[in-house]
Amino acid sequence: HNHHIPTTTAITTAAAAAITSALISVAADQMTLMPLNMVVFLSWPHLWRADLSAAYTNVTQAFWPSATMAISIWPFVHPLSFKYVPLEHRLLVLNVCSLGIFSYATWVSERKA
């Protein structure tokens, strides 16, 4: 009866380690790459026109509302997608969420203009 306990324990430990690793990866992404991506996203239209002043203004006005939206969404999306979304659909779900977040960033950016 108890001969499956080591196997169950090993599987549970491996699953917990995988989840912990994924959450650490998401946290690292949100603290490093998301701010950089948001700055690039908010500044590139103005930089493309060689308007550094407008790029700076847009980033300073739209960064915090946009970044706050992103930070409030991703900590829920990632764990839910790992738990409930099949692997073959996970990228689609994450891309739809990214589209929503960057659409919001565009709206904030245009509203501040």
PDB file of N, CA and C in Angstrom:
ATOM      1  N   HIS A   1       0.816  -1.201   0.000  1.00  0.00           N
ATOM      2  CA  HIS A   1       0.000   0.000   0.000  1.00  0.00           C
ATOM      3  C   HIS A   1       0.860   1.266   0.000  1.00  0.00           C
ATOM      4  N   ASN A   2       1.919   1.297   0.765  1.00  0.00           N
ATOM      5  CA  ASN A   2       2.736   2.494   0.883  1.00  0.00           C
ATOM      6  C   ASN A   2       3.880   2.552  -0.127  1.00  0.00           C
ATOM      7  N   HIS A   3       3.944   1.598  -1.062  1.00  0.00           N
ATOM      8  CA  HIS A   3       5.058   1.581  -1.998  1.00  0.00           C
ATOM      9  C   HIS A   3       4.993   2.703  -3.043  1.00  0.00           C
ATOM     10  N   HIS A   4       3.899   3.426  -3.146  1.00  0.00           N
ATOM     11  CA  HIS A   4       3.776   4.528  -4.099  1.00  0.00           C
ATOM     12  C   HIS A   4       4.084   5.890  -3.470  1.00  0.00           C
ATOM     13  N   ILE A   5       4.296   5.943  -2.186  1.00  0.00           N
ATOM     14  CA  ILE A   5       4.560   7.214  -1.503  1.00  0.00           C
ATOM     15  C   ILE A   5       5.827   7.889  -2.027  1.00  0.00           C
ATOM     16  N   PRO A   6       6.957   7.181  -2.196  1.00  0.00           N
ATOM     17  CA  PRO A   6       8.144   7.871  -2.742  1.00  0.00           C
ATOM     18  C   PRO A   6       7.905   8.432  -4.148  1.00  0.00           C
ATOM     19  N   THR A   7       7.190   7.704  -4.983  1.00  0.00           N
ATOM     20  CA  THR A   7       6.900   8.177  -6.333  1.00  0.00           C
ATOM     21  C   THR A   7       6.008   9.404  -6.290  1.00  0.00           C
ATOM     22  N   THR A   8       4.967   9.360  -5.491  1.00  0.00           N
ATOM     23  CA  THR A   8       4.058  10.488  -5.342  1.00  0.00           C
ATOM     24  C   THR A   8       4.789  11.698  -4.791  1.00  0.00           C
ATOM     25  N   THR A   9       5.641  11.486  -3.811  1.00  0.00           N
ATOM     26  CA  THR A   9       6.417  12.576  -3.225  1.00  0.00           C
ATOM     27  C   THR A   9       7.355  13.189  -4.263  1.00  0.00           C
ATOM     28  N   ALA A  10       8.009  12.369  -5.061  1.00  0.00           N
ATOM     29  CA  ALA A  10       8.920  12.867  -6.092  1.00  0.00           C
ATOM     30  C   ALA A  10       8.169  13.680  -7.141  1.00  0.00           C
ATOM     31  N   ILE A  11       7.014  13.202  -7.547  1.00  0.00           N
ATOM     32  CA  ILE A  11       6.220  13.920  -8.548  1.00  0.00           C
ATOM     33  C   ILE A  11       5.735  15.247  -7.982  1.00  0.00           C
ATOM     34  N   THR A  12       5.258  15.232  -6.754  1.00  0.00           N
ATOM     35  CA  THR A  12       4.779  16.454  -6.112  1.00  0.00           C
ATOM     36  C   THR A  12       5.909  17.456  -5.951  1.00  0.00           C
ATOM     37  N   THR A  13       7.073  16.992  -5.544  1.00  0.00           N
ATOM     38  CA  THR A  13       8.231  17.874  -5.370  1.00  0.00           C
ATOM     39  C   THR A  13       8.650  18.471  -6.711  1.00  0.00           C
ATOM     40  N   ALA A  14       8.672  17.672  -7.763  1.00  0.00           N
ATOM     41  CA  ALA A  14       9.039  18.166  -9.094  1.00  0.00           C
ATOM     42  C   ALA A  14       8.028  19.191  -9.596  1.00  0.00           C
ATOM     43  N   ALA A  15       6.758  18.948  -9.373  1.00  0.00           N
ATOM     44  CA  ALA A  15       5.719  19.890  -9.798  1.00  0.00           C
ATOM     45  C   ALA A  15       5.847  21.213  -9.044  1.00  0.00           C
ATOM     46  N   ALA A  16       6.079  21.135  -7.747  1.00  0.00           N
ATOM     47  CA  ALA A  16       6.245  22.350  -6.947  1.00  0.00           C
ATOM     48  C   ALA A  16       7.470  23.138  -7.409  1.00  0.00           C
ATOM     49  N   ALA A  17       8.551  22.440  -7.719  1.00  0.00           N
ATOM     50  CA  ALA A  17       9.758  23.109  -8.203  1.00  0.00           C
ATOM     51  C   ALA A  17       9.503  23.778  -9.550  1.00  0.00           C
ATOM     52  N   ALA A  18       8.756  23.127 -10.429  1.00  0.00           N
ATOM     53  CA  ALA A  18       8.447  23.702 -11.741  1.00  0.00           C
ATOM     54  C   ALA A  18       7.581  24.948 -11.603  1.00  0.00           C
ATOM     55  N   ILE A  19       6.597  24.892 -10.729  1.00  0.00           N
ATOM     56  CA  ILE A  19       5.718  26.045 -10.507  1.00  0.00           C
ATOM     57  C   ILE A  19       6.512  27.196  -9.903  1.00  0.00           C
ATOM     58  N   THR A  20       7.345  26.897  -8.921  1.00  0.00           N
ATOM     59  CA  THR A  20       8.174  27.926  -8.297  1.00  0.00           C
ATOM     60  C   THR A  20       9.097  28.559  -9.326  1.00  0.00           C
ATOM     61  N   SER A  21       9.710  27.752 -10.159  1.00  0.00           N
ATOM     62  CA  SER A  21      10.598  28.253 -11.205  1.00  0.00           C
ATOM     63  C   SER A  21       9.841  29.158 -12.179  1.00  0.00           C
ATOM     64  N   ALA A  22       8.642  28.754 -12.566  1.00  0.00           N
ATOM     65  CA  ALA A  22       7.837  29.563 -13.490  1.00  0.00           C
ATOM     66  C   ALA A  22       7.450  30.892 -12.858  1.00  0.00           C
ATOM     67  N   LEU A  23       7.067  30.883 -11.595  1.00  0.00           N
ATOM     68  CA  LEU A  23       6.689  32.128 -10.921  1.00  0.00           C
ATOM     69  C   LEU A  23       7.879  33.060 -10.748  1.00  0.00           C
ATOM     70  N   ILE A  24       9.044  32.506 -10.467  1.00  0.00           N
ATOM     71  CA  ILE A  24      10.257  33.327 -10.356  1.00  0.00           C
ATOM     72  C   ILE A  24      10.574  33.942 -11.720  1.00  0.00           C
ATOM     73  N   SER A  25      10.415  33.167 -12.766  1.00  0.00           N
ATOM     74  CA  SER A  25      10.653  33.670 -14.120  1.00  0.00           C
ATOM     75  C   SER A  25       9.688  34.799 -14.467  1.00  0.00           C
ATOM     76  N   VAL A  26       8.419  34.647 -14.136  1.00  0.00           N
ATOM     77  CA  VAL A  26       7.426  35.686 -14.392  1.00  0.00           C
ATOM     78  C   VAL A  26       7.766  36.945 -13.597  1.00  0.00           C
ATOM     79  N   ALA A  27       8.129  36.793 -12.339  1.00  0.00           N
ATOM     80  CA  ALA A  27       8.485  37.945 -11.508  1.00  0.00           C
ATOM     81  C   ALA A  27       9.711  38.662 -12.068  1.00  0.00           C
ATOM     82  N   ALA A  28      10.708  37.912 -12.470  1.00  0.00           N
ATOM     83  CA  ALA A  28      11.912  38.520 -13.048  1.00  0.00           C
ATOM     84  C   ALA A  28      11.575  39.263 -14.336  1.00  0.00           C
ATOM     85  N   ASP A  29      10.717  38.670 -15.148  1.00  0.00           N
ATOM     86  CA  ASP A  29      10.296  39.322 -16.383  1.00  0.00           C
ATOM     87  C   ASP A  29       9.579  40.631 -16.092  1.00  0.00           C
ATOM     88  N   GLN A  30       8.679  40.618 -15.118  1.00  0.00           N
ATOM     89  CA  GLN A  30       7.917  41.821 -14.789  1.00  0.00           C
ATOM     90  C   GLN A  30       8.788  42.930 -14.205  1.00  0.00           C
ATOM     91  N   MET A  31       9.849  42.561 -13.527  1.00  0.00           N
ATOM     92  CA  MET A  31      10.714  43.576 -12.918  1.00  0.00           C
ATOM     93  C   MET A  31      11.792  44.087 -13.868  1.00  0.00           C
ATOM     94  N   THR A  32      12.117  43.331 -14.915  1.00  0.00           N
ATOM     95  CA  THR A  32      13.203  43.741 -15.797  1.00  0.00           C
ATOM     96  C   THR A  32      12.726  44.036 -17.214  1.00  0.00           C
ATOM     97  N   LEU A  33      12.152  43.061 -17.871  1.00  0.00           N
ATOM     98  CA  LEU A  33      11.804  43.223 -19.280  1.00  0.00           C
ATOM     99  C   LEU A  33      10.548  44.055 -19.516  1.00  0.00           C
ATOM    100  N   MET A  34       9.542  43.921 -18.676  1.00  0.00           N
ATOM    101  CA  MET A  34       8.307  44.671 -18.891  1.00  0.00           C
ATOM    102  C   MET A  34       8.557  46.177 -18.876  1.00  0.00           C
ATOM    103  N   PRO A  35       9.300  46.726 -17.908  1.00  0.00           N
ATOM    104  CA  PRO A  35       9.539  48.183 -17.953  1.00  0.00           C
ATOM    105  C   PRO A  35      10.284  48.612 -19.218  1.00  0.00           C
ATOM    106  N   LEU A  36      11.273  47.844 -19.618  1.00  0.00           N
ATOM    107  CA  LEU A  36      12.021  48.175 -20.833  1.00  0.00           C
ATOM    108  C   LEU A  36      11.108  48.113 -22.060  1.00  0.00           C
ATOM    109  N   ASN A  37      10.310  47.049 -22.170  1.00  0.00           N
ATOM    110  CA  ASN A  37       9.378  46.932 -23.293  1.00  0.00           C
ATOM    111  C   ASN A  37       8.378  48.078 -23.308  1.00  0.00           C
ATOM    112  N   MET A  38       7.903  48.480 -22.144  1.00  0.00           N
ATOM    113  CA  MET A  38       6.919  49.557 -22.069  1.00  0.00           C
ATOM    114  C   MET A  38       7.540  50.885 -22.512  1.00  0.00           C
ATOM    115  N   VAL A  39       8.772  51.155 -22.084  1.00  0.00           N
ATOM    116  CA  VAL A  39       9.456  52.389 -22.492  1.00  0.00           C
ATOM    117  C   VAL A  39       9.653  52.400 -24.006  1.00  0.00           C
ATOM    118  N   VAL A  40      10.103  51.294 -24.560  1.00  0.00           N
ATOM    119  CA  VAL A  40      10.298  51.208 -26.010  1.00  0.00           C
ATOM    120  C   VAL A  40       8.973  51.395 -26.733  1.00  0.00           C
ATOM    121  N   PHE A  41       7.934  50.720 -26.249  1.00  0.00           N
ATOM    122  CA  PHE A  41       6.626  50.809 -26.888  1.00  0.00           C
ATOM    123  C   PHE A  41       6.087  52.238 -26.873  1.00  0.00           C
ATOM    124  N   LEU A  42       6.232  52.913 -25.752  1.00  0.00           N
ATOM    125  CA  LEU A  42       5.697  54.272 -25.630  1.00  0.00           C
ATOM    126  C   LEU A  42       6.537  55.316 -26.361  1.00  0.00           C
ATOM    127  N   SER A  43       7.804  55.049 -26.558  1.00  0.00           N
ATOM    128  CA  SER A  43       8.671  56.062 -27.165  1.00  0.00           C
ATOM    129  C   SER A  43       8.900  55.885 -28.657  1.00  0.00           C
ATOM    130  N   TRP A  44       8.795  54.670 -29.178  1.00  0.00           N
ATOM    131  CA  TRP A  44       9.211  54.438 -30.563  1.00  0.00           C
ATOM    132  C   TRP A  44       8.479  55.263 -31.605  1.00  0.00           C
ATOM    133  N   PRO A  45       7.170  55.544 -31.495  1.00  0.00           N
ATOM    134  CA  PRO A  45       6.555  56.366 -32.555  1.00  0.00           C
ATOM    135  C   PRO A  45       7.197  57.751 -32.662  1.00  0.00           C
ATOM    136  N   HIS A  46       7.564  58.321 -31.524  1.00  0.00           N
ATOM    137  CA  HIS A  46       8.176  59.650 -31.513  1.00  0.00           C
ATOM    138  C   HIS A  46       9.642  59.583 -31.923  1.00  0.00           C
ATOM    139  N   LEU A  47      10.312  58.535 -31.503  1.00  0.00           N
ATOM    140  CA  LEU A  47      11.709  58.370 -31.895  1.00  0.00           C
ATOM    141  C   LEU A  47      11.822  58.139 -33.396  1.00  0.00           C
ATOM    142  N   TRP A  48      10.844  57.452 -33.971  1.00  0.00           N
ATOM    143  CA  TRP A  48      10.828  57.213 -35.408  1.00  0.00           C
ATOM    144  C   TRP A  48      10.788  58.533 -36.177  1.00  0.00           C
ATOM    145  N   ARG A  49      10.120  59.528 -35.570  1.00  0.00           N
ATOM    146  CA  ARG A  49      10.042  60.861 -36.179  1.00  0.00           C
ATOM    147  C   ARG A  49      11.161  61.771 -35.684  1.00  0.00           C
ATOM    148  N   ALA A  50      12.109  61.189 -34.942  1.00  0.00           N
ATOM    149  CA  ALA A  50      13.265  61.935 -34.400  1.00  0.00           C
ATOM    150  C   ALA A  50      12.835  63.053 -33.453  1.00  0.00           C
ATOM    151  N   ASP A  51      11.773  62.811 -32.696  1.00  0.00           N
ATOM    152  CA  ASP A  51      11.274  63.790 -31.727  1.00  0.00           C
ATOM    153  C   ASP A  51      11.530  63.276 -30.316  1.00  0.00           C
ATOM    154  N   LEU A  52      12.743  63.476 -29.853  1.00  0.00           N
ATOM    155  CA  LEU A  52      13.158  62.981 -28.538  1.00  0.00           C
ATOM    156  C   LEU A  52      12.343  63.602 -27.412  1.00  0.00           C
ATOM    157  N   SER A  53      12.024  64.862 -27.539  1.00  0.00           N
ATOM    158  CA  SER A  53      11.241  65.546 -26.503  1.00  0.00           C
ATOM    159  C   SER A  53       9.855  64.921 -26.349  1.00  0.00           C
ATOM    160  N   ALA A  54       9.182  64.655 -27.460  1.00  0.00           N
ATOM    161  CA  ALA A  54       7.850  64.034 -27.398  1.00  0.00           C
ATOM    162  C   ALA A  54       7.941  62.610 -26.859  1.00  0.00           C
ATOM    163  N   ALA A  55       8.997  61.886 -27.228  1.00  0.00           N
ATOM    164  CA  ALA A  55       9.182  60.526 -26.709  1.00  0.00           C
ATOM    165  C   ALA A  55       9.332  60.565 -25.194  1.00  0.00           C
ATOM    166  N   TYR A  56      10.155  61.464 -24.704  1.00  0.00           N
ATOM    167  CA  TYR A  56      10.368  61.599 -23.251  1.00  0.00           C
ATOM    168  C   TYR A  56       9.058  61.964 -22.556  1.00  0.00           C
ATOM    169  N   THR A  57       8.346  62.919 -23.111  1.00  0.00           N
ATOM    170  CA  THR A  57       7.071  63.351 -22.513  1.00  0.00           C
ATOM    171  C   THR A  57       6.070  62.204 -22.479  1.00  0.00           C
ATOM    172  N   ASN A  58       5.968  61.470 -23.571  1.00  0.00           N
ATOM    173  CA  ASN A  58       5.012  60.363 -23.630  1.00  0.00           C
ATOM    174  C   ASN A  58       5.361  59.281 -22.607  1.00  0.00           C
ATOM    175  N   VAL A  59       6.639  58.955 -22.504  1.00  0.00           N
ATOM    176  CA  VAL A  59       7.047  57.930 -21.535  1.00  0.00           C
ATOM    177  C   VAL A  59       6.768  58.410 -20.114  1.00  0.00           C
ATOM    178  N   THR A  60       7.117  59.653 -19.800  1.00  0.00           N
ATOM    179  CA  THR A  60       6.913  60.131 -18.424  1.00  0.00           C
ATOM    180  C   THR A  60       5.436  60.241 -18.064  1.00  0.00           C
ATOM    181  N   GLN A  61       4.579  60.518 -19.049  1.00  0.00           N
ATOM    182  CA  GLN A  61       3.149  60.652 -18.745  1.00  0.00           C
ATOM    183  C   GLN A  61       2.388  59.329 -18.781  1.00  0.00           C
ATOM    184  N   ALA A  62       2.789  58.427 -19.651  1.00  0.00           N
ATOM    185  CA  ALA A  62       1.987  57.206 -19.849  1.00  0.00           C
ATOM    186  C   ALA A  62       2.602  55.964 -19.214  1.00  0.00           C
ATOM    187  N   PHE A  63       3.855  56.028 -18.758  1.00  0.00           N
ATOM    188  CA  PHE A  63       4.510  54.820 -18.264  1.00  0.00           C
ATOM    189  C   PHE A  63       3.811  54.231 -17.045  1.00  0.00           C
ATOM    190  N   TRP A  64       3.603  55.028 -16.000  1.00  0.00           N
ATOM    191  CA  TRP A  64       3.058  54.462 -14.757  1.00  0.00           C
ATOM    192  C   TRP A  64       1.657  53.885 -14.916  1.00  0.00           C
ATOM    193  N   PRO A  65       0.728  54.588 -15.576  1.00  0.00           N
ATOM    194  CA  PRO A  65      -0.589  53.955 -15.758  1.00  0.00           C
ATOM    195  C   PRO A  65      -0.513  52.659 -16.577  1.00  0.00           C
ATOM    196  N   SER A  66       0.319  52.666 -17.613  1.00  0.00           N
ATOM    197  CA  SER A  66       0.445  51.480 -18.463  1.00  0.00           C
ATOM    198  C   SER A  66       1.144  50.338 -17.736  1.00  0.00           C
ATOM    199  N   ALA A  67       2.232  50.649 -17.052  1.00  0.00           N
ATOM    200  CA  ALA A  67       2.973  49.614 -16.317  1.00  0.00           C
ATOM    201  C   ALA A  67       2.133  49.057 -15.170  1.00  0.00           C
ATOM    202  N   THR A  68       1.386  49.912 -14.503  1.00  0.00           N
ATOM    203  CA  THR A  68       0.526  49.452 -13.410  1.00  0.00           C
ATOM    204  C   THR A  68      -0.525  48.471 -13.929  1.00  0.00           C
ATOM    205  N   MET A  69      -1.067  48.761 -15.101  1.00  0.00           N
ATOM    206  CA  MET A  69      -2.037  47.836 -15.705  1.00  0.00           C
ATOM    207  C   MET A  69      -1.373  46.495 -15.990  1.00  0.00           C
ATOM    208  N   ALA A  70      -0.192  46.528 -16.583  1.00  0.00           N
ATOM    209  CA  ALA A  70       0.517  45.291 -16.913  1.00  0.00           C
ATOM    210  C   ALA A  70       0.834  44.485 -15.652  1.00  0.00           C
ATOM    211  N   ILE A  71       1.317  45.165 -14.631  1.00  0.00           N
ATOM    212  CA  ILE A  71       1.682  44.481 -13.382  1.00  0.00           C
ATOM    213  C   ILE A  71       0.458  43.909 -12.685  1.00  0.00           C
ATOM    214  N   SER A  72      -0.694  44.542 -12.875  1.00  0.00           N
ATOM    215  CA  SER A  72      -1.907  44.037 -12.217  1.00  0.00           C
ATOM    216  C   SER A  72      -2.513  42.843 -12.959  1.00  0.00           C
ATOM    217  N   ILE A  73      -2.142  42.646 -14.221  1.00  0.00           N
ATOM    218  CA  ILE A  73      -2.711  41.560 -15.016  1.00  0.00           C
ATOM    219  C   ILE A  73      -1.836  40.306 -15.009  1.00  0.00           C
ATOM    220  N   TRP A  74      -0.533  40.462 -15.296  1.00  0.00           N
ATOM    221  CA  TRP A  74       0.332  39.299 -15.496  1.00  0.00           C
ATOM    222  C   TRP A  74       0.441  38.350 -14.307  1.00  0.00           C
ATOM    223  N   PRO A  75       0.492  38.816 -13.077  1.00  0.00           N
ATOM    224  CA  PRO A  75       0.589  37.844 -11.971  1.00  0.00           C
ATOM    225  C   PRO A  75      -0.600  36.883 -11.893  1.00  0.00           C
ATOM    226  N   PHE A  76      -1.719  37.254 -12.486  1.00  0.00           N
ATOM    227  CA  PHE A  76      -2.882  36.365 -12.503  1.00  0.00           C
ATOM    228  C   PHE A  76      -2.922  35.521 -13.777  1.00  0.00           C
ATOM    229  N   VAL A  77      -2.525  36.117 -14.893  1.00  0.00           N
ATOM    230  CA  VAL A  77      -2.602  35.418 -16.179  1.00  0.00           C
ATOM    231  C   VAL A  77      -1.667  34.220 -16.211  1.00  0.00           C
ATOM    232  N   HIS A  78      -0.435  34.412 -15.795  1.00  0.00           N
ATOM    233  CA  HIS A  78       0.536  33.314 -15.897  1.00  0.00           C
ATOM    234  C   HIS A  78       0.140  32.083 -15.074  1.00  0.00           C
ATOM    235  N   PRO A  79      -0.116  32.222 -13.782  1.00  0.00           N
ATOM    236  CA  PRO A  79      -0.493  31.007 -13.038  1.00  0.00           C
ATOM    237  C   PRO A  79      -1.775  30.355 -13.564  1.00  0.00           C
ATOM    238  N   LEU A  80      -2.753  31.178 -13.938  1.00  0.00           N
ATOM    239  CA  LEU A  80      -4.000  30.606 -14.467  1.00  0.00           C
ATOM    240  C   LEU A  80      -3.759  29.901 -15.802  1.00  0.00           C
ATOM    241  N   SER A  81      -2.894  30.483 -16.632  1.00  0.00           N
ATOM    242  CA  SER A  81      -2.631  29.828 -17.919  1.00  0.00           C
ATOM    243  C   SER A  81      -1.854  28.528 -17.723  1.00  0.00           C
ATOM    244  N   PHE A  82      -0.921  28.499 -16.762  1.00  0.00           N
ATOM    245  CA  PHE A  82      -0.190  27.260 -16.497  1.00  0.00           C
ATOM    246  C   PHE A  82      -1.121  26.171 -15.975  1.00  0.00           C
ATOM    247  N   LYS A  83      -2.114  26.580 -15.183  1.00  0.00           N
ATOM    248  CA  LYS A  83      -2.993  25.593 -14.563  1.00  0.00           C
ATOM    249  C   LYS A  83      -4.131  25.144 -15.491  1.00  0.00           C
ATOM    250  N   TYR A  84      -4.723  26.067 -16.233  1.00  0.00           N
ATOM    251  CA  TYR A  84      -5.961  25.754 -16.941  1.00  0.00           C
ATOM    252  C   TYR A  84      -5.861  25.716 -18.466  1.00  0.00           C
ATOM    253  N   VAL A  85      -4.858  26.353 -19.040  1.00  0.00           N
ATOM    254  CA  VAL A  85      -4.786  26.432 -20.503  1.00  0.00           C
ATOM    255  C   VAL A  85      -3.872  25.328 -21.025  1.00  0.00           C
ATOM    256  N   PRO A  86      -4.354  24.531 -21.968  1.00  0.00           N
ATOM    257  CA  PRO A  86      -3.486  23.490 -22.539  1.00  0.00           C
ATOM    258  C   PRO A  86      -2.259  24.130 -23.201  1.00  0.00           C
ATOM    259  N   LEU A  87      -1.168  23.411 -23.179  1.00  0.00           N
ATOM    260  CA  LEU A  87       0.100  23.922 -23.685  1.00  0.00           C
ATOM    261  C   LEU A  87      -0.025  24.470 -25.105  1.00  0.00           C
ATOM    262  N   GLU A  88      -0.766  23.799 -25.951  1.00  0.00           N
ATOM    263  CA  GLU A  88      -0.869  24.239 -27.347  1.00  0.00           C
ATOM    264  C   GLU A  88      -1.637  25.547 -27.514  1.00  0.00           C
ATOM    265  N   HIS A  89      -2.372  25.990 -26.480  1.00  0.00           N
ATOM    266  CA  HIS A  89      -3.120  27.250 -26.542  1.00  0.00           C
ATOM    267  C   HIS A  89      -2.531  28.343 -25.650  1.00  0.00           C
ATOM    268  N   ARG A  90      -1.520  28.019 -24.894  1.00  0.00           N
ATOM    269  CA  ARG A  90      -0.972  28.968 -23.925  1.00  0.00           C
ATOM    270  C   ARG A  90      -0.394  30.214 -24.597  1.00  0.00           C
ATOM    271  N   LEU A  91       0.337  30.041 -25.673  1.00  0.00           N
ATOM    272  CA  LEU A  91       0.921  31.189 -26.364  1.00  0.00           C
ATOM    273  C   LEU A  91      -0.171  32.119 -26.880  1.00  0.00           C
ATOM    274  N   LEU A  92      -1.253  31.556 -27.385  1.00  0.00           N
ATOM    275  CA  LEU A  92      -2.368  32.368 -27.853  1.00  0.00           C
ATOM    276  C   LEU A  92      -2.947  33.206 -26.716  1.00  0.00           C
ATOM    277  N   VAL A  93      -3.165  32.596 -25.564  1.00  0.00           N
ATOM    278  CA  VAL A  93      -3.715  33.310 -24.408  1.00  0.00           C
ATOM    279  C   VAL A  93      -2.776  34.441 -23.991  1.00  0.00           C
ATOM    280  N   LEU A  94      -1.488  34.162 -23.915  1.00  0.00           N
ATOM    281  CA  LEU A  94      -0.518  35.189 -23.510  1.00  0.00           C
ATOM    282  C   LEU A  94      -0.451  36.319 -24.538  1.00  0.00           C
ATOM    283  N   ASN A  95      -0.547  35.978 -25.814  1.00  0.00           N
ATOM    284  CA  ASN A  95      -0.528  37.015 -26.848  1.00  0.00           C
ATOM    285  C   ASN A  95      -1.785  37.879 -26.813  1.00  0.00           C
ATOM    286  N   VAL A  96      -2.930  37.275 -26.534  1.00  0.00           N
ATOM    287  CA  VAL A  96      -4.163  38.058 -26.412  1.00  0.00           C
ATOM    288  C   VAL A  96      -4.064  39.013 -25.225  1.00  0.00           C
ATOM    289  N   CYS A  97      -3.505  38.550 -24.125  1.00  0.00           N
ATOM    290  CA  CYS A  97      -3.318  39.424 -22.957  1.00  0.00           C
ATOM    291  C   CYS A  97      -2.330  40.539 -23.275  1.00  0.00           C
ATOM    292  N   SER A  98      -1.254  40.224 -23.983  1.00  0.00           N
ATOM    293  CA  SER A  98      -0.291  41.250 -24.387  1.00  0.00           C
ATOM    294  C   SER A  98      -0.955  42.281 -25.288  1.00  0.00           C
ATOM    295  N   LEU A  99      -1.765  41.815 -26.223  1.00  0.00           N
ATOM    296  CA  LEU A  99      -2.483  42.731 -27.102  1.00  0.00           C
ATOM    297  C   LEU A  99      -3.371  43.677 -26.292  1.00  0.00           C
ATOM    298  N   GLY A 100      -4.067  43.135 -25.305  1.00  0.00           N
ATOM    299  CA  GLY A 100      -4.912  43.967 -24.449  1.00  0.00           C
ATOM    300  C   GLY A 100      -4.115  44.983 -23.658  1.00  0.00           C
ATOM    301  N   ILE A 101      -3.001  44.565 -23.086  1.00  0.00           N
ATOM    302  CA  ILE A 101      -2.175  45.468 -22.279  1.00  0.00           C
ATOM    303  C   ILE A 101      -1.580  46.575 -23.141  1.00  0.00           C
ATOM    304  N   PHE A 102      -1.059  46.224 -24.296  1.00  0.00           N
ATOM    305  CA  PHE A 102      -0.462  47.248 -25.151  1.00  0.00           C
ATOM    306  C   PHE A 102      -1.520  48.112 -25.830  1.00  0.00           C
ATOM    307  N   SER A 103      -2.713  47.593 -26.030  1.00  0.00           N
ATOM    308  CA  SER A 103      -3.819  48.438 -26.509  1.00  0.00           C
ATOM    309  C   SER A 103      -4.171  49.466 -25.442  1.00  0.00           C
ATOM    310  N   TYR A 104      -4.193  49.041 -24.196  1.00  0.00           N
ATOM    311  CA  TYR A 104      -4.444  49.976 -23.094  1.00  0.00           C
ATOM    312  C   TYR A 104      -3.332  51.020 -23.032  1.00  0.00           C
ATOM    313  N   ALA A 105      -2.077  50.587 -23.187  1.00  0.00           N
ATOM    314  CA  ALA A 105      -0.953  51.531 -23.167  1.00  0.00           C
ATOM    315  C   ALA A 105      -1.092  52.553 -24.300  1.00  0.00           C
ATOM    316  N   THR A 106      -1.537  52.106 -25.458  1.00  0.00           N
ATOM    317  CA  THR A 106      -1.751  53.022 -26.575  1.00  0.00           C
ATOM    318  C   THR A 106      -2.857  54.010 -26.249  1.00  0.00           C
ATOM    319  N   TRP A 107      -3.929  53.520 -25.672  1.00  0.00           N
ATOM    320  CA  TRP A 107      -5.042  54.394 -25.296  1.00  0.00           C
ATOM    321  C   TRP A 107      -4.593  55.438 -24.283  1.00  0.00           C
ATOM    322  N   VAL A 108      -3.840  55.019 -23.264  1.00  0.00           N
ATOM    323  CA  VAL A 108      -3.330  55.959 -22.260  1.00  0.00           C
ATOM    324  C   VAL A 108      -2.409  56.974 -22.919  1.00  0.00           C
ATOM    325  N   SER A 109      -1.543  56.487 -23.796  1.00  0.00           N
ATOM    326  CA  SER A 109      -0.604  57.360 -24.490  1.00  0.00           C
ATOM    327  C   SER A 109      -1.338  58.407 -25.329  1.00  0.00           C
ATOM    328  N   GLU A 110      -2.358  58.000 -26.042  1.00  0.00           N
ATOM    329  CA  GLU A 110      -3.109  58.936 -26.879  1.00  0.00           C
ATOM    330  C   GLU A 110      -3.956  59.891 -26.035  1.00  0.00           C
ATOM    331  N   ARG A 111      -4.461  59.412 -24.932  1.00  0.00           N
ATOM    332  CA  ARG A 111      -5.251  60.246 -24.043  1.00  0.00           C
ATOM    333  C   ARG A 111      -4.410  61.338 -23.414  1.00  0.00           C
ATOM    334  N   LYS A 112      -3.146  61.032 -23.112  1.00  0.00           N
ATOM    335  CA  LYS A 112      -2.244  61.999 -22.484  1.00  0.00           C
ATOM    336  C   LYS A 112      -1.740  63.028 -23.491  1.00  0.00           C
ATOM    337  N   ALA A 113      -1.814  62.685 -24.767  1.00  0.00           N
ATOM    338  CA  ALA A 113      -1.272  63.585 -25.799  1.00  0.00           C
ATOM    339  C   ALA A 113      -2.098  64.841 -25.947  1.00  0.00           C
TER     340      ALA A 113
END
